[in-house]
Amino acid sequence: MEYINLKNSDLKVSKLCMGGCPMGGHGWGEISENNLIDAVHTAIEHGVNFFDTADTYGLGKSEETLGKALKGKREKVVIATKFGVRVENGKTFYDNSPEWIDKAVEGSLKRLGTDYIDLYQIHYRDNKTDISEVIYKLEQLKEKGYIRYYGLSNIHKKDEYELNTHKGKFVSFQDEYSLACRKNERDIIELSHELELTPLTWGSLGQGILTGKYDINVKFDSNDRRSRDVYVNFHGDRLKRNLEIVKVIRNISEQTGKSIPSIAIRFILDYIKDSVVLVGVKNPSQILSNLEAMDWELTSEQIDKLLKISDEQEVIK
């Protein structure tokens, strides 16, 4: 297993992080709690010590399942969760207010079955609460021992001005990135350097399109969010383009003897330096396949082929 220290912290985490969105039990097809718990245990057995979730995944279900899976193993792992997305009376909105943070952290601690959170992340900025207010509240939570460090999620170049005066406070940030979605590439590379943060990538397998399991006739049941057009990786011209990317990945998989998903993960680790890759997992076999990305490197020629086939007008050439 490969490990990295998150910047501005003493958190040593595996460079493969198990993402908790599927643990919410909503929108990813058939989900088994037993399989999820077995996947967590399998991950730990193979050196994964980093687990990411959010209070809004399954309206708390993800945190509850992760807490159940980590019972008796808390000291072995780094838990990251998020706050800032509220759902009330059927409406979803963002809230970074200090009052909501107090309620959110209390709920997360209870659901996770722990008395501290290693990495507490702003899921989305609410465009109302001054970042200084948020940091002041998070520092209070650190002093109380409720959280160890805090991070960001879904930030972009436009957020740099607000955050630039607070270097050293945050330790990491998350954004969507994969061979199927490189639109945030420039922001990720620049912000990681300019704000001195460790980048964490979500959607690292393009919601599954980069696993090699799907073809042009892919269809999902209505209980799977990927059936909706907004999940562009599985629809229209985007799907056709992604399947061309998978062809190149498959070829490299045959060359290396590594799984198709692991090639897509390895690309991120090699191309986005000092990054951590988040992968949503539903069962032990998926985590084992993803683990094949660890402890080796793609050749420069292989990286160039992947860059060429996944090139988009808006990304770095």
C-alpha atoms as a PDB file:
ATOM      1  CA  MET A   1       0.000   0.000   0.000  1.00  0.00           C
ATOM      2  CA  GLU A   2       1.123   3.562  -0.702  1.00  0.00           C
ATOM      3  CA  TYR A   3       0.610   6.240   1.919  1.00  0.00           C
ATOM      4  CA  ILE A   4       0.828  10.030   2.016  1.00  0.00           C
ATOM      5  CA  ASN A   5       0.663  12.650   4.746  1.00  0.00           C
ATOM      6  CA  LEU A   6      -2.121  15.143   4.098  1.00  0.00           C
ATOM      7  CA  LYS A   7      -0.563  18.591   3.924  1.00  0.00           C
ATOM      8  CA  ASN A   8      -0.529  20.686   7.102  1.00  0.00           C
ATOM      9  CA  SER A   9      -1.302  17.596   9.183  1.00  0.00           C
ATOM     10  CA  ASP A  10       0.061  14.413  10.698  1.00  0.00           C
ATOM     11  CA  LEU A  11      -2.657  12.331   9.027  1.00  0.00           C
ATOM     12  CA  LYS A  12      -0.935   9.469   7.199  1.00  0.00           C
ATOM     13  CA  VAL A  13      -3.493   8.012   4.803  1.00  0.00           C
ATOM     14  CA  SER A  14      -3.572   5.334   2.128  1.00  0.00           C
ATOM     15  CA  LYS A  15      -3.525   6.788  -1.384  1.00  0.00           C
ATOM     16  CA  LEU A  16      -6.607   4.687  -2.101  1.00  0.00           C
ATOM     17  CA  CYS A  17      -9.589   5.909  -0.076  1.00  0.00           C
ATOM     18  CA  MET A  18     -12.875   4.006   0.106  1.00  0.00           C
ATOM     19  CA  GLY A  19     -15.706   6.390  -0.723  1.00  0.00           C
ATOM     20  CA  GLY A  20     -18.980   6.101   1.141  1.00  0.00           C
ATOM     21  CA  CYS A  21     -21.612   7.345  -1.290  1.00  0.00           C
ATOM     22  CA  PRO A  22     -22.842   3.798  -2.140  1.00  0.00           C
ATOM     23  CA  MET A  23     -23.105   3.139   1.614  1.00  0.00           C
ATOM     24  CA  GLY A  24     -25.990   5.593   1.624  1.00  0.00           C
ATOM     25  CA  GLY A  25     -28.010   2.815   0.012  1.00  0.00           C
ATOM     26  CA  HIS A  26     -29.632   5.192  -2.440  1.00  0.00           C
ATOM     27  CA  GLY A  27     -29.203   5.611  -6.168  1.00  0.00           C
ATOM     28  CA  TRP A  28     -26.573   2.988  -6.936  1.00  0.00           C
ATOM     29  CA  GLY A  29     -28.731  -0.038  -7.706  1.00  0.00           C
ATOM     30  CA  GLU A  30     -28.743  -3.094  -5.479  1.00  0.00           C
ATOM     31  CA  ILE A  31     -26.848  -2.486  -2.247  1.00  0.00           C
ATOM     32  CA  SER A  32     -26.168  -4.997   0.533  1.00  0.00           C
ATOM     33  CA  GLU A  33     -25.096  -3.737   3.941  1.00  0.00           C
ATOM     34  CA  ASN A  34     -23.265  -7.008   4.600  1.00  0.00           C
ATOM     35  CA  ASN A  35     -21.293  -6.612   1.375  1.00  0.00           C
ATOM     36  CA  LEU A  36     -20.423  -3.033   2.279  1.00  0.00           C
ATOM     37  CA  ILE A  37     -19.201  -4.031   5.733  1.00  0.00           C
ATOM     38  CA  ASP A  38     -17.192  -6.910   4.230  1.00  0.00           C
ATOM     39  CA  ALA A  39     -15.680  -4.447   1.741  1.00  0.00           C
ATOM     40  CA  VAL A  40     -14.547  -2.170   4.571  1.00  0.00           C
ATOM     41  CA  HIS A  41     -12.957  -5.101   6.398  1.00  0.00           C
ATOM     42  CA  THR A  42     -11.266  -6.306   3.191  1.00  0.00           C
ATOM     43  CA  ALA A  43      -9.914  -2.806   2.572  1.00  0.00           C
ATOM     44  CA  ILE A  44      -8.422  -2.606   6.068  1.00  0.00           C
ATOM     45  CA  GLU A  45      -6.875  -6.079   5.739  1.00  0.00           C
ATOM     46  CA  HIS A  46      -5.055  -4.871   2.606  1.00  0.00           C
ATOM     47  CA  GLY A  47      -3.740  -1.631   4.072  1.00  0.00           C
ATOM     48  CA  VAL A  48      -6.489   0.882   3.276  1.00  0.00           C
ATOM     49  CA  ASN A  49      -6.890   3.149   6.296  1.00  0.00           C
ATOM     50  CA  PHE A  50      -8.806   6.085   4.768  1.00  0.00           C
ATOM     51  CA  PHE A  51     -12.622   6.157   4.564  1.00  0.00           C
ATOM     52  CA  ASP A  52     -14.648   9.089   3.249  1.00  0.00           C
ATOM     53  CA  THR A  53     -18.366   9.714   3.692  1.00  0.00           C
ATOM     54  CA  ALA A  54     -20.824  12.591   4.233  1.00  0.00           C
ATOM     55  CA  ASP A  55     -23.812  13.280   6.456  1.00  0.00           C
ATOM     56  CA  THR A  56     -26.029  13.667   3.383  1.00  0.00           C
ATOM     57  CA  TYR A  57     -25.249  10.258   1.831  1.00  0.00           C
ATOM     58  CA  GLY A  58     -28.458   8.332   2.405  1.00  0.00           C
ATOM     59  CA  LEU A  59     -29.400  11.074   4.919  1.00  0.00           C
ATOM     60  CA  GLY A  60     -26.998   9.598   7.439  1.00  0.00           C
ATOM     61  CA  LYS A  61     -27.220   5.935   6.429  1.00  0.00           C
ATOM     62  CA  SER A  62     -23.680   5.943   5.011  1.00  0.00           C
ATOM     63  CA  GLU A  63     -22.172   7.202   8.265  1.00  0.00           C
ATOM     64  CA  GLU A  64     -24.174   4.647  10.245  1.00  0.00           C
ATOM     65  CA  THR A  65     -23.003   1.761   8.052  1.00  0.00           C
ATOM     66  CA  LEU A  66     -19.390   2.912   8.142  1.00  0.00           C
ATOM     67  CA  GLY A  67     -19.552   3.265  11.910  1.00  0.00           C
ATOM     68  CA  LYS A  68     -20.911  -0.261  12.173  1.00  0.00           C
ATOM     69  CA  ALA A  69     -18.157  -1.601   9.908  1.00  0.00           C
ATOM     70  CA  LEU A  70     -15.413   0.146  11.884  1.00  0.00           C
ATOM     71  CA  LYS A  71     -16.583  -0.972  15.316  1.00  0.00           C
ATOM     72  CA  GLY A  72     -13.518  -2.219  17.165  1.00  0.00           C
ATOM     73  CA  LYS A  73     -11.220  -0.926  14.424  1.00  0.00           C
ATOM     74  CA  ARG A  74     -11.423   2.821  15.028  1.00  0.00           C
ATOM     75  CA  GLU A  75      -7.774   3.257  16.026  1.00  0.00           C
ATOM     76  CA  LYS A  76      -6.620   1.727  12.728  1.00  0.00           C
ATOM     77  CA  VAL A  77      -8.356   4.190  10.397  1.00  0.00           C
ATOM     78  CA  VAL A  78      -8.748   7.801   9.324  1.00  0.00           C
ATOM     79  CA  ILE A  79     -12.384   8.870   8.994  1.00  0.00           C
ATOM     80  CA  ALA A  80     -13.363  11.777   6.757  1.00  0.00           C
ATOM     81  CA  THR A  81     -16.893  13.089   6.560  1.00  0.00           C
ATOM     82  CA  LYS A  82     -18.587  16.245   5.281  1.00  0.00           C
ATOM     83  CA  PHE A  83     -21.102  18.851   6.332  1.00  0.00           C
ATOM     84  CA  GLY A  84     -22.914  21.724   4.648  1.00  0.00           C
ATOM     85  CA  VAL A  85     -25.725  20.026   2.705  1.00  0.00           C
ATOM     86  CA  ARG A  86     -29.097  20.116   4.468  1.00  0.00           C
ATOM     87  CA  VAL A  87     -32.303  18.349   3.517  1.00  0.00           C
ATOM     88  CA  GLU A  88     -35.460  19.641   5.151  1.00  0.00           C
ATOM     89  CA  ASN A  89     -39.109  19.357   4.111  1.00  0.00           C
ATOM     90  CA  GLY A  90     -38.057  17.730   0.862  1.00  0.00           C
ATOM     91  CA  LYS A  91     -35.730  20.604  -0.063  1.00  0.00           C
ATOM     92  CA  THR A  92     -31.940  20.417  -0.374  1.00  0.00           C
ATOM     93  CA  PHE A  93     -29.809  23.480   0.320  1.00  0.00           C
ATOM     94  CA  TYR A  94     -26.330  24.451   1.494  1.00  0.00           C
ATOM     95  CA  ASP A  95     -25.648  25.735   5.002  1.00  0.00           C
ATOM     96  CA  ASN A  96     -22.189  26.539   6.429  1.00  0.00           C
ATOM     97  CA  SER A  97     -23.472  28.539   9.396  1.00  0.00           C
ATOM     98  CA  PRO A  98     -21.795  27.942  12.788  1.00  0.00           C
ATOM     99  CA  GLU A  99     -25.187  26.955  14.227  1.00  0.00           C
ATOM    100  CA  TRP A 100     -25.630  24.227  11.626  1.00  0.00           C
ATOM    101  CA  ILE A 101     -22.030  23.020  11.989  1.00  0.00           C
ATOM    102  CA  ASP A 102     -22.665  22.368  15.699  1.00  0.00           C
ATOM    103  CA  LYS A 103     -25.731  20.259  14.876  1.00  0.00           C
ATOM    104  CA  ALA A 104     -24.059  18.537  11.938  1.00  0.00           C
ATOM    105  CA  VAL A 105     -20.946  17.425  13.800  1.00  0.00           C
ATOM    106  CA  GLU A 106     -23.028  16.135  16.713  1.00  0.00           C
ATOM    107  CA  GLY A 107     -25.109  14.036  14.319  1.00  0.00           C
ATOM    108  CA  SER A 108     -22.089  12.694  12.448  1.00  0.00           C
ATOM    109  CA  LEU A 109     -20.260  11.686  15.621  1.00  0.00           C
ATOM    110  CA  LYS A 110     -23.315   9.797  16.853  1.00  0.00           C
ATOM    111  CA  ARG A 111     -23.930   7.989  13.556  1.00  0.00           C
ATOM    112  CA  LEU A 112     -20.255   7.069  13.134  1.00  0.00           C
ATOM    113  CA  GLY A 113     -20.087   5.786  16.692  1.00  0.00           C
ATOM    114  CA  THR A 114     -16.928   7.748  17.449  1.00  0.00           C
ATOM    115  CA  ASP A 115     -15.946  10.666  19.670  1.00  0.00           C
ATOM    116  CA  TYR A 116     -13.791  12.380  17.040  1.00  0.00           C
ATOM    117  CA  ILE A 117     -13.597  12.873  13.269  1.00  0.00           C
ATOM    118  CA  ASP A 118     -10.142  12.927  11.681  1.00  0.00           C
ATOM    119  CA  LEU A 119     -11.031  15.089   8.669  1.00  0.00           C
ATOM    120  CA  TYR A 120     -14.154  17.272   8.637  1.00  0.00           C
ATOM    121  CA  GLN A 121     -14.873  18.759   5.209  1.00  0.00           C
ATOM    122  CA  ILE A 122     -17.063  21.548   3.855  1.00  0.00           C
ATOM    123  CA  HIS A 123     -19.144  19.661   1.294  1.00  0.00           C
ATOM    124  CA  TYR A 124     -20.211  22.779  -0.628  1.00  0.00           C
ATOM    125  CA  ARG A 125     -19.835  26.474   0.168  1.00  0.00           C
ATOM    126  CA  ASP A 126     -23.186  28.137   0.834  1.00  0.00           C
ATOM    127  CA  ASN A 127     -22.123  31.511  -0.674  1.00  0.00           C
ATOM    128  CA  LYS A 128     -23.456  33.228   2.446  1.00  0.00           C
ATOM    129  CA  THR A 129     -21.319  32.394   5.456  1.00  0.00           C
ATOM    130  CA  ASP A 130     -17.931  34.108   5.518  1.00  0.00           C
ATOM    131  CA  ILE A 131     -15.118  31.558   5.422  1.00  0.00           C
ATOM    132  CA  SER A 132     -13.582  33.179   8.518  1.00  0.00           C
ATOM    133  CA  GLU A 133     -16.730  32.314  10.488  1.00  0.00           C
ATOM    134  CA  VAL A 134     -16.534  28.718   9.304  1.00  0.00           C
ATOM    135  CA  ILE A 135     -12.854  28.422  10.237  1.00  0.00           C
ATOM    136  CA  TYR A 136     -13.489  29.966  13.675  1.00  0.00           C
ATOM    137  CA  LYS A 137     -16.156  27.349  14.384  1.00  0.00           C
ATOM    138  CA  LEU A 138     -13.994  24.503  13.076  1.00  0.00           C
ATOM    139  CA  GLU A 139     -11.116  25.660  15.266  1.00  0.00           C
ATOM    140  CA  GLN A 140     -13.473  25.532  18.255  1.00  0.00           C
ATOM    141  CA  LEU A 141     -14.369  21.950  17.343  1.00  0.00           C
ATOM    142  CA  LYS A 142     -10.651  21.105  17.185  1.00  0.00           C
ATOM    143  CA  GLU A 143     -10.097  22.571  20.639  1.00  0.00           C
ATOM    144  CA  LYS A 144     -12.945  20.453  21.996  1.00  0.00           C
ATOM    145  CA  GLY A 145     -11.434  17.335  20.392  1.00  0.00           C
ATOM    146  CA  TYR A 146     -14.439  16.693  18.133  1.00  0.00           C
ATOM    147  CA  ILE A 147     -12.366  16.977  14.947  1.00  0.00           C
ATOM    148  CA  ARG A 148      -8.626  16.746  14.228  1.00  0.00           C
ATOM    149  CA  TYR A 149      -8.346  18.599  10.901  1.00  0.00           C
ATOM    150  CA  TYR A 150     -10.620  20.134   8.301  1.00  0.00           C
ATOM    151  CA  GLY A 151     -10.785  20.203   4.513  1.00  0.00           C
ATOM    152  CA  LEU A 152     -12.722  21.401   1.493  1.00  0.00           C
ATOM    153  CA  SER A 153     -14.769  19.862  -1.272  1.00  0.00           C
ATOM    154  CA  ASN A 154     -15.992  21.022  -4.672  1.00  0.00           C
ATOM    155  CA  ILE A 155     -13.887  24.178  -4.833  1.00  0.00           C
ATOM    156  CA  HIS A 156     -12.538  25.745  -8.002  1.00  0.00           C
ATOM    157  CA  LYS A 157     -10.237  28.492  -9.182  1.00  0.00           C
ATOM    158  CA  LYS A 158     -12.896  31.124  -8.430  1.00  0.00           C
ATOM    159  CA  ASP A 159     -12.643  30.210  -4.737  1.00  0.00           C
ATOM    160  CA  GLU A 160      -8.923  30.877  -4.524  1.00  0.00           C
ATOM    161  CA  TYR A 161      -9.247  34.540  -3.538  1.00  0.00           C
ATOM    162  CA  GLU A 162     -11.453  33.698  -0.545  1.00  0.00           C
ATOM    163  CA  LEU A 163      -9.169  30.898   0.617  1.00  0.00           C
ATOM    164  CA  ASN A 164      -5.772  32.390  -0.126  1.00  0.00           C
ATOM    165  CA  THR A 165      -5.510  34.245   3.181  1.00  0.00           C
ATOM    166  CA  HIS A 166      -6.147  31.019   5.106  1.00  0.00           C
ATOM    167  CA  LYS A 167      -3.255  28.868   3.879  1.00  0.00           C
ATOM    168  CA  GLY A 168      -2.231  26.243   6.356  1.00  0.00           C
ATOM    169  CA  LYS A 169      -5.689  25.938   7.902  1.00  0.00           C
ATOM    170  CA  PHE A 170      -7.184  23.372   5.531  1.00  0.00           C
ATOM    171  CA  VAL A 171      -5.353  20.138   4.722  1.00  0.00           C
ATOM    172  CA  SER A 172      -7.121  18.821   1.622  1.00  0.00           C
ATOM    173  CA  PHE A 173      -9.759  19.412  -1.032  1.00  0.00           C
ATOM    174  CA  GLN A 174     -11.935  17.158  -3.171  1.00  0.00           C
ATOM    175  CA  ASP A 175     -13.040  17.543  -6.785  1.00  0.00           C
ATOM    176  CA  GLU A 176     -14.367  15.325  -9.536  1.00  0.00           C
ATOM    177  CA  TYR A 177     -11.605  13.947 -11.727  1.00  0.00           C
ATOM    178  CA  SER A 178     -11.099  10.903 -13.938  1.00  0.00           C
ATOM    179  CA  LEU A 179     -10.136   9.959 -17.471  1.00  0.00           C
ATOM    180  CA  ALA A 180     -13.835  10.443 -18.252  1.00  0.00           C
ATOM    181  CA  CYS A 181     -13.964  13.924 -16.685  1.00  0.00           C
ATOM    182  CA  ARG A 182     -10.843  16.081 -16.880  1.00  0.00           C
ATOM    183  CA  LYS A 183     -12.634  19.445 -16.834  1.00  0.00           C
ATOM    184  CA  ASN A 184     -11.309  20.246 -13.327  1.00  0.00           C
ATOM    185  CA  GLU A 185      -7.734  19.252 -14.108  1.00  0.00           C
ATOM    186  CA  ARG A 186      -6.241  22.716 -14.280  1.00  0.00           C
ATOM    187  CA  ASP A 187      -8.008  23.834 -11.097  1.00  0.00           C
ATOM    188  CA  ILE A 188      -6.876  20.752  -9.186  1.00  0.00           C
ATOM    189  CA  ILE A 189      -3.238  21.095 -10.191  1.00  0.00           C
ATOM    190  CA  GLU A 190      -3.081  24.833  -9.548  1.00  0.00           C
ATOM    191  CA  LEU A 191      -5.065  24.889  -6.291  1.00  0.00           C
ATOM    192  CA  SER A 192      -3.075  22.033  -4.781  1.00  0.00           C
ATOM    193  CA  HIS A 193       0.092  24.105  -5.211  1.00  0.00           C
ATOM    194  CA  GLU A 194      -1.224  27.600  -4.582  1.00  0.00           C
ATOM    195  CA  LEU A 195      -3.316  26.743  -1.511  1.00  0.00           C
ATOM    196  CA  GLU A 196      -0.927  24.038  -0.261  1.00  0.00           C
ATOM    197  CA  LEU A 197      -3.593  21.319  -0.111  1.00  0.00           C
ATOM    198  CA  THR A 198      -3.623  17.600  -0.840  1.00  0.00           C
ATOM    199  CA  PRO A 199      -6.013  16.841  -3.729  1.00  0.00           C
ATOM    200  CA  LEU A 200      -8.551  14.033  -3.334  1.00  0.00           C
ATOM    201  CA  THR A 201     -10.376  12.937  -6.478  1.00  0.00           C
ATOM    202  CA  TRP A 202     -13.966  11.713  -6.468  1.00  0.00           C
ATOM    203  CA  GLY A 203     -15.763  10.145  -9.421  1.00  0.00           C
ATOM    204  CA  SER A 204     -12.374   8.566 -10.100  1.00  0.00           C
ATOM    205  CA  LEU A 205     -13.889   5.736 -12.154  1.00  0.00           C
ATOM    206  CA  GLY A 206     -16.415   7.963 -13.917  1.00  0.00           C
ATOM    207  CA  GLN A 207     -19.308   6.543 -11.830  1.00  0.00           C
ATOM    208  CA  GLY A 208     -18.236   3.106 -13.074  1.00  0.00           C
ATOM    209  CA  ILE A 209     -17.876   3.647 -16.817  1.00  0.00           C
ATOM    210  CA  LEU A 210     -14.095   3.141 -16.515  1.00  0.00           C
ATOM    211  CA  THR A 211     -14.443  -0.315 -14.966  1.00  0.00           C
ATOM    212  CA  GLY A 212     -14.845  -2.006 -18.347  1.00  0.00           C
ATOM    213  CA  LYS A 213     -18.161  -3.596 -17.333  1.00  0.00           C
ATOM    214  CA  TYR A 214     -20.363  -1.633 -19.736  1.00  0.00           C
ATOM    215  CA  ASP A 215     -20.910  -1.355 -23.490  1.00  0.00           C
ATOM    216  CA  ILE A 216     -22.913   0.875 -25.827  1.00  0.00           C
ATOM    217  CA  ASN A 217     -26.160  -0.885 -24.818  1.00  0.00           C
ATOM    218  CA  VAL A 218     -25.816  -0.130 -21.110  1.00  0.00           C
ATOM    219  CA  LYS A 219     -29.122   0.439 -19.303  1.00  0.00           C
ATOM    220  CA  PHE A 220     -29.799   1.011 -15.614  1.00  0.00           C
ATOM    221  CA  ASP A 221     -32.899   0.396 -13.535  1.00  0.00           C
ATOM    222  CA  SER A 222     -34.777   3.389 -12.172  1.00  0.00           C
ATOM    223  CA  ASN A 223     -33.252   2.812  -8.699  1.00  0.00           C
ATOM    224  CA  ASP A 224     -29.839   3.668 -10.146  1.00  0.00           C
ATOM    225  CA  ARG A 225     -29.060   7.393 -10.572  1.00  0.00           C
ATOM    226  CA  ARG A 226     -26.986   6.620 -13.653  1.00  0.00           C
ATOM    227  CA  SER A 227     -30.212   5.994 -15.556  1.00  0.00           C
ATOM    228  CA  ARG A 228     -30.686   9.780 -15.603  1.00  0.00           C
ATOM    229  CA  ASP A 229     -29.290  11.886 -18.434  1.00  0.00           C
ATOM    230  CA  VAL A 230     -27.501  14.153 -15.960  1.00  0.00           C
ATOM    231  CA  TYR A 231     -25.034  11.293 -15.460  1.00  0.00           C
ATOM    232  CA  VAL A 232     -23.520  12.086 -18.832  1.00  0.00           C
ATOM    233  CA  ASN A 233     -20.835   9.391 -18.757  1.00  0.00           C
ATOM    234  CA  PHE A 234     -23.450   6.786 -19.662  1.00  0.00           C
ATOM    235  CA  HIS A 235     -25.392   8.631 -22.345  1.00  0.00           C
ATOM    236  CA  GLY A 236     -25.076   9.797 -25.943  1.00  0.00           C
ATOM    237  CA  ASP A 237     -21.798  10.932 -27.440  1.00  0.00           C
ATOM    238  CA  ARG A 238     -20.164  11.009 -24.017  1.00  0.00           C
ATOM    239  CA  LEU A 239     -20.775   7.289 -23.610  1.00  0.00           C
ATOM    240  CA  LYS A 240     -19.266   6.579 -27.041  1.00  0.00           C
ATOM    241  CA  ARG A 241     -16.194   8.648 -26.184  1.00  0.00           C
ATOM    242  CA  ASN A 242     -15.777   6.941 -22.822  1.00  0.00           C
ATOM    243  CA  LEU A 243     -15.906   3.509 -24.408  1.00  0.00           C
ATOM    244  CA  GLU A 244     -13.007   4.560 -26.653  1.00  0.00           C
ATOM    245  CA  ILE A 245     -11.083   5.503 -23.502  1.00  0.00           C
ATOM    246  CA  VAL A 246     -11.890   2.088 -22.040  1.00  0.00           C
ATOM    247  CA  LYS A 247     -10.424   0.415 -25.147  1.00  0.00           C
ATOM    248  CA  VAL A 248      -7.072   2.048 -24.460  1.00  0.00           C
ATOM    249  CA  ILE A 249      -7.311   1.206 -20.760  1.00  0.00           C
ATOM    250  CA  ARG A 250      -8.099  -2.412 -21.651  1.00  0.00           C
ATOM    251  CA  ASN A 251      -5.026  -2.586 -23.861  1.00  0.00           C
ATOM    252  CA  ILE A 252      -2.813  -1.307 -21.028  1.00  0.00           C
ATOM    253  CA  SER A 253      -4.535  -3.748 -18.666  1.00  0.00           C
ATOM    254  CA  GLU A 254      -3.495  -6.596 -20.948  1.00  0.00           C
ATOM    255  CA  GLN A 255       0.067  -5.269 -21.080  1.00  0.00           C
ATOM    256  CA  THR A 256       0.406  -4.932 -17.311  1.00  0.00           C
ATOM    257  CA  GLY A 257      -1.769  -7.766 -16.049  1.00  0.00           C
ATOM    258  CA  LYS A 258      -3.619  -5.265 -13.852  1.00  0.00           C
ATOM    259  CA  SER A 259      -7.402  -4.815 -13.695  1.00  0.00           C
ATOM    260  CA  ILE A 260      -9.101  -2.203 -15.884  1.00  0.00           C
ATOM    261  CA  PRO A 261     -10.295  -0.101 -12.904  1.00  0.00           C
ATOM    262  CA  SER A 262      -6.800  -0.129 -11.440  1.00  0.00           C
ATOM    263  CA  ILE A 263      -5.361   1.390 -14.639  1.00  0.00           C
ATOM    264  CA  ALA A 264      -7.809   4.307 -14.411  1.00  0.00           C
ATOM    265  CA  ILE A 265      -6.873   4.812 -10.748  1.00  0.00           C
ATOM    266  CA  ARG A 266      -3.140   4.524 -11.404  1.00  0.00           C
ATOM    267  CA  PHE A 267      -3.379   7.213 -14.086  1.00  0.00           C
ATOM    268  CA  ILE A 268      -4.648   9.713 -11.496  1.00  0.00           C
ATOM    269  CA  LEU A 269      -1.982   8.805  -8.958  1.00  0.00           C
ATOM    270  CA  ASP A 270       0.791   9.157 -11.530  1.00  0.00           C
ATOM    271  CA  TYR A 271      -0.505  12.258 -13.308  1.00  0.00           C
ATOM    272  CA  ILE A 272      -1.897  14.286 -10.375  1.00  0.00           C
ATOM    273  CA  LYS A 273       1.131  14.206  -8.139  1.00  0.00           C
ATOM    274  CA  ASP A 274       0.720  13.652  -4.387  1.00  0.00           C
ATOM    275  CA  SER A 275      -2.995  12.897  -4.776  1.00  0.00           C
ATOM    276  CA  VAL A 276      -5.396  10.477  -3.127  1.00  0.00           C
ATOM    277  CA  VAL A 277      -8.006   8.609  -5.168  1.00  0.00           C
ATOM    278  CA  LEU A 278     -11.506   8.074  -3.759  1.00  0.00           C
ATOM    279  CA  VAL A 279     -13.426   5.090  -5.111  1.00  0.00           C
ATOM    280  CA  GLY A 280     -17.012   4.188  -4.305  1.00  0.00           C
ATOM    281  CA  VAL A 281     -17.221   0.499  -3.447  1.00  0.00           C
ATOM    282  CA  LYS A 282     -20.194  -1.841  -3.008  1.00  0.00           C
ATOM    283  CA  ASN A 283     -18.521  -5.213  -2.328  1.00  0.00           C
ATOM    284  CA  PRO A 284     -15.162  -6.855  -1.509  1.00  0.00           C
ATOM    285  CA  SER A 285     -14.384  -7.850  -5.119  1.00  0.00           C
ATOM    286  CA  GLN A 286     -14.491  -4.195  -6.172  1.00  0.00           C
ATOM    287  CA  ILE A 287     -12.028  -3.076  -3.520  1.00  0.00           C
ATOM    288  CA  LEU A 288      -9.689  -5.945  -4.432  1.00  0.00           C
ATOM    289  CA  SER A 289      -9.799  -4.919  -8.096  1.00  0.00           C
ATOM    290  CA  ASN A 290      -9.072  -1.303  -7.171  1.00  0.00           C
ATOM    291  CA  LEU A 291      -6.183  -2.333  -4.937  1.00  0.00           C
ATOM    292  CA  GLU A 292      -4.308  -3.556  -8.010  1.00  0.00           C
ATOM    293  CA  ALA A 293      -3.521   0.125  -8.651  1.00  0.00           C
ATOM    294  CA  MET A 294      -1.089   0.211  -5.753  1.00  0.00           C
ATOM    295  CA  ASP A 295       2.718  -0.017  -5.705  1.00  0.00           C
ATOM    296  CA  TRP A 296       3.639   0.341  -9.364  1.00  0.00           C
ATOM    297  CA  GLU A 297       3.633   3.056 -12.044  1.00  0.00           C
ATOM    298  CA  LEU A 298       2.439   3.529 -15.599  1.00  0.00           C
ATOM    299  CA  THR A 299       5.099   4.238 -18.194  1.00  0.00           C
ATOM    300  CA  SER A 300       5.301   7.699 -19.724  1.00  0.00           C
ATOM    301  CA  GLU A 301       4.150   6.192 -23.025  1.00  0.00           C
ATOM    302  CA  GLN A 302       1.062   4.681 -21.392  1.00  0.00           C
ATOM    303  CA  ILE A 303       0.230   7.975 -19.690  1.00  0.00           C
ATOM    304  CA  ASP A 304       0.581   9.827 -23.005  1.00  0.00           C
ATOM    305  CA  LYS A 305      -1.838   7.418 -24.679  1.00  0.00           C
ATOM    306  CA  LEU A 306      -4.384   7.932 -21.917  1.00  0.00           C
ATOM    307  CA  LEU A 307      -3.977  11.704 -22.071  1.00  0.00           C
ATOM    308  CA  LYS A 308      -4.479  11.710 -25.825  1.00  0.00           C
ATOM    309  CA  ILE A 309      -7.612   9.544 -25.867  1.00  0.00           C
ATOM    310  CA  SER A 310      -9.196  11.465 -22.978  1.00  0.00           C
ATOM    311  CA  ASP A 311      -8.275  14.934 -24.215  1.00  0.00           C
ATOM    312  CA  GLU A 312     -10.958  17.599 -23.947  1.00  0.00           C
ATOM    313  CA  GLN A 313     -10.936  21.137 -25.306  1.00  0.00           C
ATOM    314  CA  GLU A 314     -11.074  22.666 -21.839  1.00  0.00           C
ATOM    315  CA  VAL A 315      -8.241  20.705 -20.229  1.00  0.00           C
ATOM    316  CA  ILE A 316      -4.483  21.081 -20.221  1.00  0.00           C
ATOM    317  CA  LYS A 317      -2.933  19.876 -23.438  1.00  0.00           C
END
